[in-house]
Amino acid sequence: MPEFDSLDEMVLQVALTKTTGSDPFYEQNWYRILKVRYDGKIYVQRRVSETLTTLISTPYISPTGSLRVTVVGSTIYFYANE
């Protein structure tokens, strides 16, 4: 995430459907990790049907760094700066 100092947010979203013509936030059935500069937090969220759930909301240490995603069985692990 080396360019985060010039962006408002960065998102990695994993979904059941592909969208190119609309905001993926409004799609159904996805997980995402969202790093937001304006409030200095990382969010892990999911949307199942129309219900949005924030699983994690935590301040981040640095505006740049690495992001790692690991899938083990049916569990998705998100790591920001390890």
N, C-alpha and C. Protein backbone atom coordinates (compact mmCIF):
# COMPACT_ATOMS: atom_id res chain seq x y z
N MET A 1 0.82 -1.18 0.00
CA MET A 1 0.00 0.00 0.00
C MET A 1 0.87 1.25 0.00
N PRO A 2 1.83 1.35 -0.90
CA PRO A 2 2.76 2.47 -0.87
C PRO A 2 2.16 3.80 -1.28
N GLU A 3 1.04 3.82 -2.00
CA GLU A 3 0.47 5.07 -2.48
C GLU A 3 -0.67 5.58 -1.60
N PHE A 4 -0.84 5.03 -0.43
CA PHE A 4 -1.98 5.39 0.41
C PHE A 4 -1.95 6.84 0.84
N ASP A 5 -0.78 7.46 0.87
CA ASP A 5 -0.71 8.86 1.28
C ASP A 5 -1.37 9.80 0.27
N SER A 6 -1.70 9.30 -0.94
CA SER A 6 -2.37 10.14 -1.93
C SER A 6 -3.79 9.66 -2.25
N LEU A 7 -4.29 8.66 -1.53
CA LEU A 7 -5.63 8.13 -1.75
C LEU A 7 -6.47 8.30 -0.49
N ASP A 8 -7.79 8.37 -0.65
CA ASP A 8 -8.68 8.48 0.51
C ASP A 8 -8.91 7.13 1.17
N GLU A 9 -8.96 6.07 0.39
CA GLU A 9 -9.17 4.75 0.94
C GLU A 9 -8.66 3.69 -0.01
N MET A 10 -8.42 2.51 0.54
CA MET A 10 -8.03 1.35 -0.26
C MET A 10 -8.90 0.20 0.19
N VAL A 11 -9.37 -0.60 -0.78
CA VAL A 11 -10.29 -1.69 -0.49
C VAL A 11 -9.84 -2.93 -1.24
N LEU A 12 -9.88 -4.06 -0.55
CA LEU A 12 -9.77 -5.36 -1.19
C LEU A 12 -11.06 -6.08 -0.87
N GLN A 13 -11.83 -6.40 -1.90
CA GLN A 13 -13.15 -6.99 -1.71
C GLN A 13 -13.21 -8.33 -2.43
N VAL A 14 -13.72 -9.34 -1.74
CA VAL A 14 -13.92 -10.67 -2.30
C VAL A 14 -15.42 -10.91 -2.34
N ALA A 15 -15.95 -11.17 -3.54
CA ALA A 15 -17.40 -11.29 -3.70
C ALA A 15 -17.78 -12.50 -4.54
N LEU A 16 -19.05 -12.85 -4.47
CA LEU A 16 -19.55 -13.95 -5.28
C LEU A 16 -19.84 -13.52 -6.71
N THR A 17 -20.02 -12.22 -6.92
CA THR A 17 -20.33 -11.72 -8.26
C THR A 17 -19.33 -10.66 -8.67
N LYS A 18 -19.16 -10.50 -9.97
CA LYS A 18 -18.26 -9.49 -10.52
C LYS A 18 -19.11 -8.29 -10.94
N THR A 19 -18.64 -7.10 -10.63
CA THR A 19 -19.34 -5.89 -11.08
C THR A 19 -18.33 -4.91 -11.66
N THR A 20 -18.67 -4.32 -12.77
CA THR A 20 -17.82 -3.29 -13.37
C THR A 20 -18.59 -2.01 -13.63
N GLY A 21 -19.92 -2.04 -13.47
CA GLY A 21 -20.73 -0.89 -13.80
C GLY A 21 -21.40 -0.22 -12.62
N SER A 22 -21.07 -0.65 -11.40
CA SER A 22 -21.69 -0.04 -10.23
C SER A 22 -20.72 -0.13 -9.05
N ASP A 23 -21.08 0.53 -7.97
CA ASP A 23 -20.27 0.50 -6.76
C ASP A 23 -20.38 -0.89 -6.13
N PRO A 24 -19.27 -1.60 -5.95
CA PRO A 24 -19.34 -2.95 -5.39
C PRO A 24 -19.85 -2.98 -3.96
N PHE A 25 -19.88 -1.85 -3.27
CA PHE A 25 -20.41 -1.81 -1.91
C PHE A 25 -21.87 -2.26 -1.89
N TYR A 26 -22.62 -1.95 -2.93
CA TYR A 26 -24.05 -2.25 -2.96
C TYR A 26 -24.36 -3.65 -3.47
N GLU A 27 -23.34 -4.39 -3.87
CA GLU A 27 -23.55 -5.78 -4.29
C GLU A 27 -23.86 -6.65 -3.07
N GLN A 28 -24.33 -7.84 -3.31
CA GLN A 28 -24.67 -8.78 -2.24
C GLN A 28 -23.50 -9.75 -2.00
N ASN A 29 -23.38 -10.24 -0.81
CA ASN A 29 -22.51 -11.37 -0.46
C ASN A 29 -21.04 -11.13 -0.77
N TRP A 30 -20.39 -10.36 0.09
CA TRP A 30 -18.96 -10.10 -0.05
C TRP A 30 -18.31 -9.91 1.31
N TYR A 31 -16.99 -10.01 1.31
CA TYR A 31 -16.12 -9.64 2.43
C TYR A 31 -15.15 -8.61 1.91
N ARG A 32 -14.73 -7.69 2.78
CA ARG A 32 -13.73 -6.72 2.35
C ARG A 32 -12.90 -6.24 3.53
N ILE A 33 -11.69 -5.79 3.19
CA ILE A 33 -10.87 -5.06 4.14
C ILE A 33 -10.74 -3.65 3.55
N LEU A 34 -10.97 -2.66 4.38
CA LEU A 34 -11.03 -1.27 3.96
C LEU A 34 -10.11 -0.45 4.85
N LYS A 35 -9.18 0.25 4.25
CA LYS A 35 -8.27 1.11 4.99
C LYS A 35 -8.62 2.55 4.62
N VAL A 36 -9.04 3.34 5.61
CA VAL A 36 -9.59 4.67 5.37
C VAL A 36 -8.67 5.72 5.96
N ARG A 37 -8.28 6.68 5.14
CA ARG A 37 -7.35 7.71 5.61
C ARG A 37 -8.04 8.74 6.50
N TYR A 38 -9.29 9.14 6.19
CA TYR A 38 -9.93 10.24 6.92
C TYR A 38 -10.20 9.93 8.38
N ASP A 39 -10.38 8.66 8.75
CA ASP A 39 -10.55 8.35 10.17
C ASP A 39 -9.45 7.47 10.74
N GLY A 40 -8.45 7.13 9.90
CA GLY A 40 -7.28 6.40 10.37
C GLY A 40 -7.57 4.99 10.85
N LYS A 41 -8.54 4.31 10.22
CA LYS A 41 -8.92 2.97 10.67
C LYS A 41 -8.89 1.96 9.55
N ILE A 42 -8.79 0.70 9.96
CA ILE A 42 -8.96 -0.45 9.08
C ILE A 42 -10.27 -1.12 9.49
N TYR A 43 -11.08 -1.45 8.50
CA TYR A 43 -12.33 -2.15 8.74
C TYR A 43 -12.31 -3.49 8.01
N VAL A 44 -12.81 -4.51 8.65
CA VAL A 44 -13.11 -5.77 7.98
C VAL A 44 -14.62 -5.90 8.06
N GLN A 45 -15.24 -6.01 6.88
CA GLN A 45 -16.70 -6.02 6.81
C GLN A 45 -17.18 -7.15 5.93
N ARG A 46 -18.46 -7.49 6.13
CA ARG A 46 -19.11 -8.45 5.24
C ARG A 46 -20.53 -7.97 4.98
N ARG A 47 -21.00 -8.31 3.82
CA ARG A 47 -22.40 -8.06 3.48
C ARG A 47 -22.98 -9.40 3.03
N VAL A 48 -23.99 -9.86 3.75
CA VAL A 48 -24.72 -11.06 3.39
C VAL A 48 -26.15 -10.62 3.17
N SER A 49 -26.67 -10.89 1.96
CA SER A 49 -27.96 -10.33 1.53
C SER A 49 -27.86 -8.82 1.65
N GLU A 50 -28.69 -8.19 2.46
CA GLU A 50 -28.62 -6.73 2.58
C GLU A 50 -28.05 -6.27 3.91
N THR A 51 -27.53 -7.19 4.71
CA THR A 51 -27.03 -6.85 6.04
C THR A 51 -25.52 -6.63 6.01
N LEU A 52 -25.10 -5.41 6.34
CA LEU A 52 -23.68 -5.07 6.43
C LEU A 52 -23.24 -5.24 7.88
N THR A 53 -22.17 -6.00 8.10
CA THR A 53 -21.63 -6.23 9.43
C THR A 53 -20.17 -5.82 9.44
N THR A 54 -19.79 -4.98 10.40
CA THR A 54 -18.38 -4.64 10.60
C THR A 54 -17.82 -5.62 11.60
N LEU A 55 -16.88 -6.45 11.17
CA LEU A 55 -16.28 -7.48 12.01
C LEU A 55 -15.15 -6.92 12.85
N ILE A 56 -14.40 -5.98 12.27
CA ILE A 56 -13.28 -5.35 12.96
C ILE A 56 -13.23 -3.89 12.56
N SER A 57 -12.98 -3.02 13.52
CA SER A 57 -12.72 -1.61 13.28
C SER A 57 -11.60 -1.22 14.23
N THR A 58 -10.42 -0.95 13.68
CA THR A 58 -9.26 -0.69 14.52
C THR A 58 -8.37 0.38 13.89
N PRO A 59 -7.74 1.22 14.68
CA PRO A 59 -6.79 2.19 14.12
C PRO A 59 -5.60 1.47 13.48
N TYR A 60 -5.05 2.04 12.43
CA TYR A 60 -3.85 1.47 11.84
C TYR A 60 -2.64 2.26 12.30
N ILE A 61 -1.49 1.62 12.25
CA ILE A 61 -0.26 2.20 12.78
C ILE A 61 0.38 3.15 11.77
N SER A 62 0.34 2.80 10.51
CA SER A 62 1.07 3.55 9.49
C SER A 62 0.21 3.68 8.24
N PRO A 63 0.29 4.79 7.50
CA PRO A 63 -0.53 4.93 6.30
C PRO A 63 -0.10 4.02 5.16
N THR A 64 1.13 3.55 5.17
CA THR A 64 1.58 2.62 4.14
C THR A 64 1.92 1.30 4.80
N GLY A 65 2.22 0.30 4.01
CA GLY A 65 2.57 -0.99 4.57
C GLY A 65 2.06 -2.12 3.69
N SER A 66 2.00 -3.30 4.25
CA SER A 66 1.62 -4.48 3.48
C SER A 66 0.25 -4.99 3.92
N LEU A 67 -0.37 -5.74 3.03
CA LEU A 67 -1.64 -6.39 3.32
C LEU A 67 -1.52 -7.83 2.85
N ARG A 68 -1.90 -8.76 3.71
CA ARG A 68 -1.87 -10.17 3.34
C ARG A 68 -3.22 -10.78 3.64
N VAL A 69 -3.70 -11.59 2.71
CA VAL A 69 -4.97 -12.29 2.87
C VAL A 69 -4.68 -13.78 2.74
N THR A 70 -5.15 -14.56 3.71
CA THR A 70 -4.98 -16.01 3.69
C THR A 70 -6.33 -16.66 3.88
N VAL A 71 -6.62 -17.67 3.08
CA VAL A 71 -7.86 -18.42 3.21
C VAL A 71 -7.49 -19.83 3.65
N VAL A 72 -8.07 -20.25 4.78
CA VAL A 72 -7.86 -21.59 5.31
C VAL A 72 -9.24 -22.21 5.52
N GLY A 73 -9.57 -23.19 4.70
CA GLY A 73 -10.90 -23.77 4.76
C GLY A 73 -11.93 -22.72 4.41
N SER A 74 -12.86 -22.46 5.32
CA SER A 74 -13.89 -21.44 5.07
C SER A 74 -13.63 -20.16 5.84
N THR A 75 -12.38 -19.97 6.30
CA THR A 75 -12.02 -18.78 7.08
C THR A 75 -11.07 -17.90 6.27
N ILE A 76 -11.36 -16.59 6.25
CA ILE A 76 -10.51 -15.62 5.58
C ILE A 76 -9.79 -14.82 6.65
N TYR A 77 -8.45 -14.76 6.56
CA TYR A 77 -7.63 -14.00 7.51
C TYR A 77 -7.07 -12.78 6.79
N PHE A 78 -7.18 -11.60 7.40
CA PHE A 78 -6.64 -10.37 6.86
C PHE A 78 -5.52 -9.89 7.79
N TYR A 79 -4.37 -9.57 7.23
CA TYR A 79 -3.24 -9.07 8.02
C TYR A 79 -2.77 -7.76 7.43
N ALA A 80 -2.73 -6.71 8.23
CA ALA A 80 -2.18 -5.43 7.82
C ALA A 80 -0.88 -5.23 8.59
N ASN A 81 0.23 -5.10 7.88
CA ASN A 81 1.55 -4.98 8.49
C ASN A 81 1.82 -6.11 9.48
N GLU A 82 1.39 -7.30 9.11
CA GLU A 82 1.54 -8.51 9.91
C GLU A 82 0.80 -8.41 11.22
